[in-house]
Amino acid sequence: MGNPEPRPDRPRIFCIGLNKTGTSSFHEAMTILGYESMHHGGVEVESRISAALAANEPVLSRLDQRFDAFSDIGQLSRRFLMLDRQYPGSRFVLTVRPIDAWIDSRRRHVENNIRRRASGEYDGKFVVVDEDKWRQEWARHVGRVHDYFGARDDFIEVDLTHDPGWGALCALLQVPEPVAPFPWANRGRARSAPEVGP
């Protein structure tokens, strides 16, 4: 299914959920379905996107053009209006989960980053727990997505922590459901429910 042609208008699949909402599972699902999927990418990807924006180029123009699907890339998740204009025909997936579970997952992720930074294994910026700010971020982001997409048929909202199945995703992409089970990525080892994210 991958298409390496660097056309700005080539349809892509954008996961626009915040981190810790099943974006790793989305990424693995895209790979199983045969798409070239980019997950996170770190500082290099963020800097390439920033450079494209600064040069007034299409937002994906400085990334490897073989990728069809994108997840857990903050600058893309927040710029879904721009992506929708620049990449017509694309599909958008808002991954969500119960907000208290999301807050807990984010907090544990940050606490792990703090431990990793202390041992010299992490040099990122995601090292502050601020639950009030996170709740505001959630409400603002999900509200903007709902206001923009409404009931459009190129958009779905899924909670992969509650119903990790192929149905809605494959219907959106108009592809058959694979035989392989839907992936549950980043499950918490000490929890009975799947811990999905980032």
N, C-alpha and C. Protein backbone atom coordinates (compact mmCIF):
# COMPACT_ATOMS: atom_id res chain seq x y z
N MET A 1 0.81 -1.20 0.00
CA MET A 1 0.00 0.00 0.00
C MET A 1 0.85 1.26 0.00
N GLY A 2 2.10 1.15 0.38
CA GLY A 2 2.97 2.32 0.46
C GLY A 2 3.16 2.95 -0.91
N ASN A 3 3.24 4.27 -0.95
CA ASN A 3 3.42 5.01 -2.19
C ASN A 3 4.56 5.99 -1.98
N PRO A 4 5.74 5.77 -2.61
CA PRO A 4 6.89 6.62 -2.35
C PRO A 4 6.89 7.95 -3.09
N GLU A 5 5.90 8.19 -3.96
CA GLU A 5 5.91 9.43 -4.72
C GLU A 5 5.73 10.64 -3.80
N PRO A 6 6.58 11.66 -3.94
CA PRO A 6 6.53 12.80 -3.02
C PRO A 6 5.50 13.86 -3.41
N ARG A 7 4.28 13.46 -3.77
CA ARG A 7 3.25 14.44 -4.12
C ARG A 7 2.64 15.02 -2.86
N PRO A 8 2.56 16.35 -2.73
CA PRO A 8 1.94 16.95 -1.54
C PRO A 8 0.50 16.51 -1.34
N ASP A 9 -0.22 16.20 -2.44
CA ASP A 9 -1.64 15.87 -2.31
C ASP A 9 -1.89 14.37 -2.13
N ARG A 10 -0.85 13.57 -1.92
CA ARG A 10 -1.06 12.14 -1.73
C ARG A 10 -1.80 11.90 -0.42
N PRO A 11 -2.87 11.13 -0.43
CA PRO A 11 -3.58 10.88 0.82
C PRO A 11 -2.69 10.20 1.86
N ARG A 12 -2.78 10.65 3.08
CA ARG A 12 -2.05 10.05 4.20
C ARG A 12 -3.05 9.69 5.29
N ILE A 13 -2.57 9.01 6.30
CA ILE A 13 -3.38 8.68 7.48
C ILE A 13 -2.72 9.32 8.68
N PHE A 14 -3.44 10.23 9.33
CA PHE A 14 -2.89 10.97 10.45
C PHE A 14 -3.62 10.57 11.74
N CYS A 15 -2.87 10.07 12.70
CA CYS A 15 -3.40 9.87 14.04
C CYS A 15 -3.19 11.19 14.77
N ILE A 16 -4.28 11.84 15.17
CA ILE A 16 -4.17 13.17 15.77
C ILE A 16 -4.53 13.14 17.25
N GLY A 17 -4.48 11.95 17.86
CA GLY A 17 -4.66 11.85 19.30
C GLY A 17 -3.41 12.29 20.03
N LEU A 18 -3.58 12.75 21.26
CA LEU A 18 -2.44 13.12 22.09
C LEU A 18 -1.65 11.88 22.48
N ASN A 19 -0.41 12.08 22.92
CA ASN A 19 0.38 10.91 23.32
C ASN A 19 -0.29 10.21 24.50
N LYS A 20 -0.02 8.93 24.64
CA LYS A 20 -0.60 8.06 25.68
C LYS A 20 -2.08 7.76 25.44
N THR A 21 -2.50 7.81 24.18
CA THR A 21 -3.90 7.48 23.85
C THR A 21 -3.99 6.30 22.88
N GLY A 22 -2.95 5.49 22.82
CA GLY A 22 -2.99 4.36 21.90
C GLY A 22 -2.28 4.60 20.60
N THR A 23 -1.43 5.62 20.55
CA THR A 23 -0.75 5.93 19.30
C THR A 23 0.25 4.85 18.89
N SER A 24 0.84 4.17 19.86
CA SER A 24 1.74 3.06 19.52
C SER A 24 0.96 1.91 18.89
N SER A 25 -0.22 1.64 19.43
CA SER A 25 -1.07 0.60 18.85
C SER A 25 -1.51 0.99 17.44
N PHE A 26 -1.85 2.26 17.25
CA PHE A 26 -2.20 2.74 15.91
C PHE A 26 -1.05 2.51 14.94
N HIS A 27 0.15 2.86 15.36
CA HIS A 27 1.34 2.68 14.52
C HIS A 27 1.52 1.21 14.13
N GLU A 28 1.43 0.33 15.11
CA GLU A 28 1.60 -1.10 14.81
C GLU A 28 0.48 -1.61 13.90
N ALA A 29 -0.73 -1.10 14.11
CA ALA A 29 -1.85 -1.50 13.25
C ALA A 29 -1.61 -1.07 11.80
N MET A 30 -1.11 0.15 11.62
CA MET A 30 -0.81 0.63 10.27
C MET A 30 0.23 -0.26 9.59
N THR A 31 1.23 -0.66 10.35
CA THR A 31 2.28 -1.53 9.81
C THR A 31 1.70 -2.87 9.39
N ILE A 32 0.84 -3.44 10.23
CA ILE A 32 0.21 -4.72 9.89
C ILE A 32 -0.63 -4.58 8.61
N LEU A 33 -1.27 -3.43 8.44
CA LEU A 33 -2.10 -3.20 7.25
C LEU A 33 -1.28 -2.91 6.00
N GLY A 34 0.03 -2.77 6.15
CA GLY A 34 0.89 -2.61 4.99
C GLY A 34 1.31 -1.18 4.69
N TYR A 35 0.98 -0.26 5.57
CA TYR A 35 1.39 1.12 5.37
C TYR A 35 2.79 1.35 5.93
N GLU A 36 3.47 2.35 5.38
CA GLU A 36 4.73 2.82 5.96
C GLU A 36 4.36 3.84 7.02
N SER A 37 4.63 3.51 8.28
CA SER A 37 4.15 4.33 9.37
C SER A 37 5.30 4.96 10.15
N MET A 38 5.20 6.25 10.42
CA MET A 38 6.18 6.96 11.24
C MET A 38 5.56 7.25 12.60
N HIS A 39 6.22 6.78 13.65
CA HIS A 39 5.74 7.00 15.01
C HIS A 39 6.76 7.83 15.78
N HIS A 40 6.32 8.95 16.30
CA HIS A 40 7.12 9.87 17.11
C HIS A 40 8.25 10.47 16.27
N GLY A 41 9.42 9.89 16.24
CA GLY A 41 10.51 10.43 15.43
C GLY A 41 11.45 11.35 16.18
N GLY A 42 11.01 11.86 17.34
CA GLY A 42 11.91 12.62 18.18
C GLY A 42 12.26 14.00 17.65
N VAL A 43 13.39 14.50 18.14
CA VAL A 43 13.82 15.86 17.86
C VAL A 43 14.06 16.08 16.37
N GLU A 44 14.62 15.10 15.69
CA GLU A 44 14.93 15.28 14.26
C GLU A 44 13.67 15.53 13.45
N VAL A 45 12.64 14.73 13.69
CA VAL A 45 11.39 14.90 12.94
C VAL A 45 10.76 16.26 13.26
N GLU A 46 10.73 16.61 14.54
CA GLU A 46 10.15 17.89 14.93
C GLU A 46 10.91 19.06 14.28
N SER A 47 12.24 18.96 14.22
CA SER A 47 13.03 20.04 13.62
C SER A 47 12.80 20.12 12.11
N ARG A 48 12.62 19.00 11.46
CA ARG A 48 12.35 19.01 10.01
C ARG A 48 10.99 19.64 9.72
N ILE A 49 10.01 19.34 10.57
CA ILE A 49 8.69 19.96 10.40
C ILE A 49 8.78 21.46 10.63
N SER A 50 9.51 21.86 11.67
CA SER A 50 9.68 23.29 11.95
C SER A 50 10.35 24.01 10.78
N ALA A 51 11.34 23.35 10.17
CA ALA A 51 12.03 23.96 9.03
C ALA A 51 11.09 24.12 7.84
N ALA A 52 10.24 23.13 7.60
CA ALA A 52 9.28 23.22 6.50
C ALA A 52 8.29 24.36 6.75
N LEU A 53 7.82 24.47 7.98
CA LEU A 53 6.88 25.54 8.32
C LEU A 53 7.53 26.91 8.15
N ALA A 54 8.78 27.04 8.60
CA ALA A 54 9.49 28.32 8.50
C ALA A 54 9.71 28.72 7.04
N ALA A 55 9.87 27.72 6.16
CA ALA A 55 10.11 27.99 4.74
C ALA A 55 8.81 28.06 3.95
N ASN A 56 7.67 27.98 4.66
CA ASN A 56 6.36 28.02 4.01
C ASN A 56 6.19 26.89 2.99
N GLU A 57 6.71 25.73 3.34
CA GLU A 57 6.59 24.52 2.51
C GLU A 57 5.51 23.62 3.09
N PRO A 58 5.00 22.66 2.30
CA PRO A 58 4.07 21.69 2.87
C PRO A 58 4.69 21.02 4.10
N VAL A 59 3.87 20.78 5.10
CA VAL A 59 4.39 20.41 6.41
C VAL A 59 5.19 19.11 6.41
N LEU A 60 4.88 18.20 5.48
CA LEU A 60 5.61 16.93 5.41
C LEU A 60 6.78 16.97 4.43
N SER A 61 7.03 18.09 3.80
CA SER A 61 7.94 18.13 2.66
C SER A 61 9.37 17.73 2.99
N ARG A 62 9.81 17.90 4.22
CA ARG A 62 11.19 17.59 4.57
C ARG A 62 11.34 16.25 5.28
N LEU A 63 10.24 15.49 5.34
CA LEU A 63 10.29 14.14 5.91
C LEU A 63 10.45 13.13 4.78
N ASP A 64 10.87 11.93 5.13
CA ASP A 64 10.99 10.84 4.16
C ASP A 64 9.62 10.61 3.52
N GLN A 65 9.54 10.75 2.19
CA GLN A 65 8.27 10.71 1.49
C GLN A 65 7.66 9.32 1.37
N ARG A 66 8.36 8.29 1.84
CA ARG A 66 7.78 6.96 1.73
C ARG A 66 6.68 6.73 2.76
N PHE A 67 6.59 7.58 3.79
CA PHE A 67 5.64 7.33 4.87
C PHE A 67 4.22 7.72 4.48
N ASP A 68 3.28 6.83 4.83
CA ASP A 68 1.85 7.04 4.58
C ASP A 68 1.09 7.45 5.83
N ALA A 69 1.57 6.99 7.00
CA ALA A 69 0.83 7.16 8.25
C ALA A 69 1.74 7.79 9.30
N PHE A 70 1.13 8.59 10.17
CA PHE A 70 1.89 9.35 11.15
C PHE A 70 1.17 9.33 12.49
N SER A 71 1.94 9.15 13.57
CA SER A 71 1.33 9.13 14.91
C SER A 71 2.31 9.65 15.95
N ASP A 72 1.78 10.22 17.02
CA ASP A 72 2.55 10.71 18.16
C ASP A 72 3.62 11.72 17.73
N ILE A 73 3.25 12.60 16.82
CA ILE A 73 4.13 13.70 16.39
C ILE A 73 3.36 14.98 16.69
N GLY A 74 3.73 15.65 17.78
CA GLY A 74 2.94 16.75 18.30
C GLY A 74 2.64 17.84 17.30
N GLN A 75 3.61 18.20 16.49
CA GLN A 75 3.40 19.29 15.53
C GLN A 75 2.39 18.91 14.45
N LEU A 76 2.27 17.63 14.15
CA LEU A 76 1.26 17.19 13.18
C LEU A 76 -0.10 17.09 13.84
N SER A 77 -0.15 16.50 15.05
CA SER A 77 -1.44 16.33 15.73
C SER A 77 -2.14 17.66 15.92
N ARG A 78 -1.39 18.70 16.24
CA ARG A 78 -1.99 20.02 16.49
C ARG A 78 -2.35 20.76 15.19
N ARG A 79 -1.75 20.37 14.07
CA ARG A 79 -1.97 21.11 12.82
C ARG A 79 -2.86 20.33 11.85
N PHE A 80 -3.92 19.74 12.38
CA PHE A 80 -4.78 18.93 11.51
C PHE A 80 -5.49 19.78 10.46
N LEU A 81 -5.78 21.05 10.73
CA LEU A 81 -6.39 21.90 9.70
C LEU A 81 -5.44 22.06 8.52
N MET A 82 -4.18 22.33 8.80
CA MET A 82 -3.18 22.49 7.75
C MET A 82 -3.00 21.20 6.97
N LEU A 83 -2.93 20.08 7.69
CA LEU A 83 -2.78 18.79 7.02
C LEU A 83 -3.96 18.51 6.10
N ASP A 84 -5.15 18.85 6.56
CA ASP A 84 -6.35 18.60 5.77
C ASP A 84 -6.32 19.41 4.48
N ARG A 85 -5.82 20.64 4.55
CA ARG A 85 -5.73 21.48 3.35
C ARG A 85 -4.62 21.02 2.41
N GLN A 86 -3.48 20.67 2.98
CA GLN A 86 -2.31 20.36 2.15
C GLN A 86 -2.32 18.95 1.58
N TYR A 87 -3.04 18.03 2.23
CA TYR A 87 -3.04 16.63 1.81
C TYR A 87 -4.47 16.14 1.63
N PRO A 88 -5.14 16.64 0.58
CA PRO A 88 -6.55 16.27 0.37
C PRO A 88 -6.72 14.77 0.19
N GLY A 89 -7.83 14.28 0.69
CA GLY A 89 -8.14 12.86 0.60
C GLY A 89 -7.58 12.05 1.74
N SER A 90 -6.87 12.70 2.66
CA SER A 90 -6.28 11.98 3.79
C SER A 90 -7.35 11.56 4.79
N ARG A 91 -6.96 10.67 5.71
CA ARG A 91 -7.86 10.18 6.75
C ARG A 91 -7.29 10.61 8.10
N PHE A 92 -8.18 10.88 9.05
CA PHE A 92 -7.79 11.37 10.37
C PHE A 92 -8.41 10.50 11.46
N VAL A 93 -7.57 10.13 12.43
CA VAL A 93 -8.00 9.26 13.52
C VAL A 93 -7.67 9.95 14.84
N LEU A 94 -8.71 10.26 15.60
CA LEU A 94 -8.52 10.82 16.94
C LEU A 94 -8.56 9.66 17.93
N THR A 95 -7.40 9.33 18.50
CA THR A 95 -7.37 8.30 19.54
C THR A 95 -7.62 8.97 20.89
N VAL A 96 -8.50 8.35 21.67
CA VAL A 96 -8.85 8.88 22.99
C VAL A 96 -8.84 7.73 23.99
N ARG A 97 -9.00 8.07 25.26
CA ARG A 97 -9.18 7.10 26.34
C ARG A 97 -9.80 7.86 27.50
N PRO A 98 -10.31 7.16 28.52
CA PRO A 98 -10.85 7.89 29.68
C PRO A 98 -9.79 8.82 30.25
N ILE A 99 -10.19 10.06 30.53
CA ILE A 99 -9.20 11.09 30.85
C ILE A 99 -8.40 10.77 32.10
N ASP A 100 -9.02 10.17 33.12
CA ASP A 100 -8.26 9.87 34.33
C ASP A 100 -7.18 8.82 34.06
N ALA A 101 -7.51 7.84 33.21
CA ALA A 101 -6.51 6.83 32.84
C ALA A 101 -5.41 7.47 32.01
N TRP A 102 -5.78 8.43 31.16
CA TRP A 102 -4.78 9.14 30.36
C TRP A 102 -3.83 9.94 31.25
N ILE A 103 -4.39 10.65 32.22
CA ILE A 103 -3.57 11.43 33.15
C ILE A 103 -2.61 10.51 33.90
N ASP A 104 -3.12 9.38 34.37
CA ASP A 104 -2.27 8.44 35.11
C ASP A 104 -1.14 7.91 34.23
N SER A 105 -1.46 7.57 33.00
CA SER A 105 -0.45 7.06 32.08
C SER A 105 0.60 8.12 31.77
N ARG A 106 0.16 9.34 31.54
CA ARG A 106 1.10 10.43 31.29
C ARG A 106 2.01 10.68 32.50
N ARG A 107 1.41 10.68 33.69
CA ARG A 107 2.19 10.92 34.90
C ARG A 107 3.27 9.86 35.06
N ARG A 108 2.91 8.59 34.86
CA ARG A 108 3.90 7.52 34.99
C ARG A 108 4.98 7.63 33.92
N HIS A 109 4.59 8.08 32.72
CA HIS A 109 5.55 8.27 31.64
C HIS A 109 6.56 9.36 32.01
N VAL A 110 6.07 10.48 32.55
CA VAL A 110 6.95 11.57 32.94
C VAL A 110 7.86 11.14 34.09
N GLU A 111 7.30 10.43 35.07
CA GLU A 111 8.12 9.97 36.19
C GLU A 111 9.24 9.06 35.70
N ASN A 112 8.95 8.24 34.70
CA ASN A 112 9.99 7.40 34.12
C ASN A 112 11.03 8.25 33.39
N ASN A 113 10.59 9.28 32.68
CA ASN A 113 11.53 10.19 32.02
C ASN A 113 12.45 10.85 33.04
N ILE A 114 11.90 11.25 34.18
CA ILE A 114 12.71 11.88 35.22
C ILE A 114 13.78 10.92 35.72
N ARG A 115 13.40 9.66 35.94
CA ARG A 115 14.37 8.65 36.37
C ARG A 115 15.43 8.43 35.30
N ARG A 116 15.02 8.37 34.04
CA ARG A 116 15.96 8.17 32.95
C ARG A 116 16.89 9.36 32.79
N ARG A 117 16.37 10.57 33.00
CA ARG A 117 17.23 11.76 32.91
C ARG A 117 18.30 11.73 34.00
N ALA A 118 17.91 11.31 35.21
CA ALA A 118 18.86 11.25 36.32
C ALA A 118 20.00 10.28 36.03
N SER A 119 19.72 9.24 35.23
CA SER A 119 20.76 8.26 34.90
C SER A 119 21.42 8.56 33.56
N GLY A 120 21.10 9.70 32.95
CA GLY A 120 21.73 10.10 31.70
C GLY A 120 21.18 9.43 30.47
N GLU A 121 19.98 8.82 30.56
CA GLU A 121 19.39 8.09 29.42
C GLU A 121 18.35 8.90 28.66
N TYR A 122 18.00 10.09 29.15
CA TYR A 122 16.94 10.87 28.53
C TYR A 122 17.32 12.34 28.56
N ASP A 123 17.21 13.02 27.40
CA ASP A 123 17.52 14.44 27.37
C ASP A 123 16.37 15.25 26.77
N GLY A 124 15.17 14.67 26.80
CA GLY A 124 14.00 15.38 26.29
C GLY A 124 13.43 16.37 27.29
N LYS A 125 12.29 16.97 26.92
CA LYS A 125 11.68 18.03 27.73
C LYS A 125 10.44 17.59 28.50
N PHE A 126 10.01 16.34 28.30
CA PHE A 126 8.76 15.89 28.91
C PHE A 126 9.04 15.37 30.32
N VAL A 127 9.28 16.31 31.26
CA VAL A 127 9.74 15.93 32.60
C VAL A 127 8.97 16.67 33.70
N VAL A 128 7.83 17.25 33.40
CA VAL A 128 7.06 17.98 34.40
C VAL A 128 5.64 17.42 34.47
N VAL A 129 5.23 17.02 35.66
CA VAL A 129 3.85 16.56 35.88
C VAL A 129 3.00 17.78 36.19
N ASP A 130 1.98 18.03 35.37
CA ASP A 130 1.07 19.16 35.58
C ASP A 130 -0.33 18.71 35.16
N GLU A 131 -1.03 18.05 36.08
CA GLU A 131 -2.30 17.42 35.73
C GLU A 131 -3.35 18.44 35.34
N ASP A 132 -3.39 19.61 35.99
CA ASP A 132 -4.37 20.63 35.61
C ASP A 132 -4.13 21.11 34.19
N LYS A 133 -2.88 21.35 33.85
CA LYS A 133 -2.55 21.78 32.49
C LYS A 133 -2.90 20.69 31.47
N TRP A 134 -2.64 19.44 31.82
CA TRP A 134 -2.95 18.34 30.91
C TRP A 134 -4.45 18.23 30.65
N ARG A 135 -5.25 18.41 31.70
CA ARG A 135 -6.71 18.36 31.51
C ARG A 135 -7.18 19.48 30.59
N GLN A 136 -6.60 20.66 30.74
CA GLN A 136 -6.93 21.76 29.85
C GLN A 136 -6.50 21.46 28.42
N GLU A 137 -5.31 20.87 28.27
CA GLU A 137 -4.82 20.50 26.95
C GLU A 137 -5.76 19.50 26.28
N TRP A 138 -6.20 18.52 27.06
CA TRP A 138 -7.12 17.50 26.54
C TRP A 138 -8.41 18.15 26.04
N ALA A 139 -9.03 18.95 26.89
CA ALA A 139 -10.31 19.57 26.53
C ALA A 139 -10.17 20.45 25.30
N ARG A 140 -9.09 21.22 25.24
CA ARG A 140 -8.87 22.12 24.11
C ARG A 140 -8.66 21.33 22.82
N HIS A 141 -7.80 20.30 22.87
CA HIS A 141 -7.47 19.55 21.66
C HIS A 141 -8.68 18.77 21.15
N VAL A 142 -9.30 18.00 22.03
CA VAL A 142 -10.44 17.19 21.61
C VAL A 142 -11.58 18.08 21.13
N GLY A 143 -11.80 19.21 21.81
CA GLY A 143 -12.83 20.14 21.38
C GLY A 143 -12.57 20.71 19.99
N ARG A 144 -11.32 21.10 19.72
CA ARG A 144 -10.97 21.62 18.39
C ARG A 144 -11.20 20.56 17.31
N VAL A 145 -10.79 19.33 17.59
CA VAL A 145 -10.96 18.26 16.60
C VAL A 145 -12.44 18.03 16.32
N HIS A 146 -13.25 17.94 17.37
CA HIS A 146 -14.69 17.73 17.18
C HIS A 146 -15.31 18.88 16.39
N ASP A 147 -14.94 20.12 16.75
CA ASP A 147 -15.51 21.27 16.06
C ASP A 147 -15.15 21.28 14.58
N TYR A 148 -13.94 20.84 14.25
CA TYR A 148 -13.48 20.90 12.87
C TYR A 148 -14.04 19.75 12.02
N PHE A 149 -13.94 18.54 12.53
CA PHE A 149 -14.30 17.39 11.70
C PHE A 149 -15.79 17.04 11.78
N GLY A 150 -16.41 17.26 12.93
CA GLY A 150 -17.82 16.90 13.05
C GLY A 150 -18.06 15.45 12.67
N ALA A 151 -19.00 15.24 11.75
CA ALA A 151 -19.36 13.88 11.33
C ALA A 151 -18.79 13.54 9.95
N ARG A 152 -17.70 14.15 9.57
CA ARG A 152 -17.11 13.87 8.26
C ARG A 152 -16.75 12.39 8.13
N ASP A 153 -16.83 11.88 6.89
CA ASP A 153 -16.58 10.45 6.70
C ASP A 153 -15.11 10.11 6.51
N ASP A 154 -14.23 11.12 6.60
CA ASP A 154 -12.79 10.85 6.53
C ASP A 154 -12.15 10.96 7.92
N PHE A 155 -12.98 10.88 8.96
CA PHE A 155 -12.53 11.03 10.35
C PHE A 155 -13.24 10.02 11.25
N ILE A 156 -12.48 9.44 12.18
CA ILE A 156 -13.09 8.63 13.23
C ILE A 156 -12.42 8.96 14.56
N GLU A 157 -13.16 8.70 15.62
CA GLU A 157 -12.63 8.75 16.99
C GLU A 157 -12.69 7.34 17.56
N VAL A 158 -11.58 6.87 18.11
CA VAL A 158 -11.54 5.51 18.64
C VAL A 158 -10.86 5.50 20.01
N ASP A 159 -11.36 4.63 20.87
CA ASP A 159 -10.71 4.36 22.15
C ASP A 159 -10.13 2.96 22.07
N LEU A 160 -8.85 2.87 21.74
CA LEU A 160 -8.21 1.58 21.56
C LEU A 160 -7.94 0.87 22.88
N THR A 161 -8.09 1.58 24.01
CA THR A 161 -7.94 0.92 25.31
C THR A 161 -9.22 0.19 25.69
N HIS A 162 -10.35 0.60 25.11
CA HIS A 162 -11.64 -0.02 25.42
C HIS A 162 -12.04 -1.06 24.38
N ASP A 163 -11.78 -0.74 23.12
CA ASP A 163 -12.20 -1.63 22.03
C ASP A 163 -11.09 -1.71 20.99
N PRO A 164 -10.03 -2.47 21.29
CA PRO A 164 -8.90 -2.57 20.35
C PRO A 164 -9.21 -3.53 19.21
N GLY A 165 -10.00 -3.05 18.25
CA GLY A 165 -10.39 -3.90 17.13
C GLY A 165 -10.13 -3.21 15.81
N TRP A 166 -10.25 -4.01 14.74
CA TRP A 166 -9.95 -3.52 13.40
C TRP A 166 -11.11 -2.80 12.73
N GLY A 167 -12.34 -3.05 13.19
CA GLY A 167 -13.53 -2.64 12.44
C GLY A 167 -13.56 -1.20 11.98
N ALA A 168 -13.54 -0.26 12.93
CA ALA A 168 -13.69 1.15 12.58
C ALA A 168 -12.52 1.65 11.73
N LEU A 169 -11.32 1.21 12.06
CA LEU A 169 -10.14 1.67 11.34
C LEU A 169 -10.15 1.16 9.90
N CYS A 170 -10.44 -0.11 9.71
CA CYS A 170 -10.46 -0.66 8.36
C CYS A 170 -11.61 -0.10 7.53
N ALA A 171 -12.74 0.20 8.18
CA ALA A 171 -13.85 0.83 7.46
C ALA A 171 -13.45 2.21 6.98
N LEU A 172 -12.76 2.98 7.82
CA LEU A 172 -12.30 4.30 7.44
C LEU A 172 -11.36 4.24 6.25
N LEU A 173 -10.45 3.27 6.28
CA LEU A 173 -9.43 3.16 5.23
C LEU A 173 -9.90 2.36 4.03
N GLN A 174 -11.08 1.74 4.15
CA GLN A 174 -11.66 0.92 3.08
C GLN A 174 -10.71 -0.20 2.67
N VAL A 175 -10.22 -0.90 3.71
CA VAL A 175 -9.36 -2.07 3.50
C VAL A 175 -9.94 -3.23 4.28
N PRO A 176 -9.68 -4.47 3.85
CA PRO A 176 -10.21 -5.62 4.60
C PRO A 176 -9.53 -5.78 5.95
N GLU A 177 -10.26 -6.33 6.90
CA GLU A 177 -9.68 -6.59 8.21
C GLU A 177 -8.70 -7.75 8.11
N PRO A 178 -7.51 -7.61 8.67
CA PRO A 178 -6.53 -8.69 8.62
C PRO A 178 -6.88 -9.82 9.57
N VAL A 179 -6.27 -10.96 9.34
CA VAL A 179 -6.47 -12.11 10.22
C VAL A 179 -5.76 -11.88 11.55
N ALA A 180 -4.64 -11.17 11.52
CA ALA A 180 -3.85 -10.93 12.73
C ALA A 180 -4.68 -10.18 13.78
N PRO A 181 -4.49 -10.50 15.05
CA PRO A 181 -5.19 -9.76 16.10
C PRO A 181 -4.74 -8.30 16.13
N PHE A 182 -5.62 -7.44 16.59
CA PHE A 182 -5.26 -6.03 16.70
C PHE A 182 -4.17 -5.87 17.76
N PRO A 183 -3.13 -5.08 17.47
CA PRO A 183 -2.02 -4.97 18.42
C PRO A 183 -2.36 -4.12 19.63
N TRP A 184 -1.97 -4.59 20.78
CA TRP A 184 -2.03 -3.80 22.02
C TRP A 184 -0.60 -3.46 22.37
N ALA A 185 -0.21 -2.22 22.15
CA ALA A 185 1.17 -1.81 22.38
C ALA A 185 1.31 -1.12 23.73
N ASN A 186 2.51 -1.26 24.33
CA ASN A 186 2.85 -0.57 25.57
C ASN A 186 1.89 -0.88 26.71
N ARG A 187 1.50 -2.15 26.84
CA ARG A 187 0.63 -2.50 27.95
C ARG A 187 1.37 -2.46 29.27
N GLY A 188 0.74 -1.88 30.28
CA GLY A 188 1.34 -1.85 31.61
C GLY A 188 1.43 -3.26 32.17
N ARG A 189 2.58 -3.62 32.69
CA ARG A 189 2.78 -4.99 33.15
C ARG A 189 2.04 -5.32 34.43
N ALA A 190 1.77 -4.27 35.21
CA ALA A 190 1.15 -4.53 36.51
C ALA A 190 -0.34 -4.25 36.51
N ARG A 191 -0.92 -4.03 35.35
CA ARG A 191 -2.32 -3.66 35.29
C ARG A 191 -3.09 -4.72 34.52
N SER A 192 -4.35 -4.89 34.89
CA SER A 192 -5.16 -5.89 34.20
C SER A 192 -5.64 -5.38 32.85
N ALA A 193 -5.86 -4.07 32.72
CA ALA A 193 -6.27 -3.50 31.45
C ALA A 193 -5.05 -3.12 30.64
N PRO A 194 -5.17 -3.09 29.30
CA PRO A 194 -4.00 -2.74 28.48
C PRO A 194 -3.59 -1.30 28.70
N GLU A 195 -2.30 -1.10 28.83
CA GLU A 195 -1.74 0.25 28.93
C GLU A 195 -1.25 0.62 27.54
N VAL A 196 -1.96 1.48 26.87
CA VAL A 196 -1.70 1.77 25.48
C VAL A 196 -1.13 3.17 25.32
N GLY A 197 -0.04 3.29 24.60
CA GLY A 197 0.54 4.60 24.34
C GLY A 197 2.05 4.46 24.20
N PRO A 198 2.79 5.48 23.91
CA PRO A 198 2.25 6.83 23.74
C PRO A 198 1.48 6.92 22.45
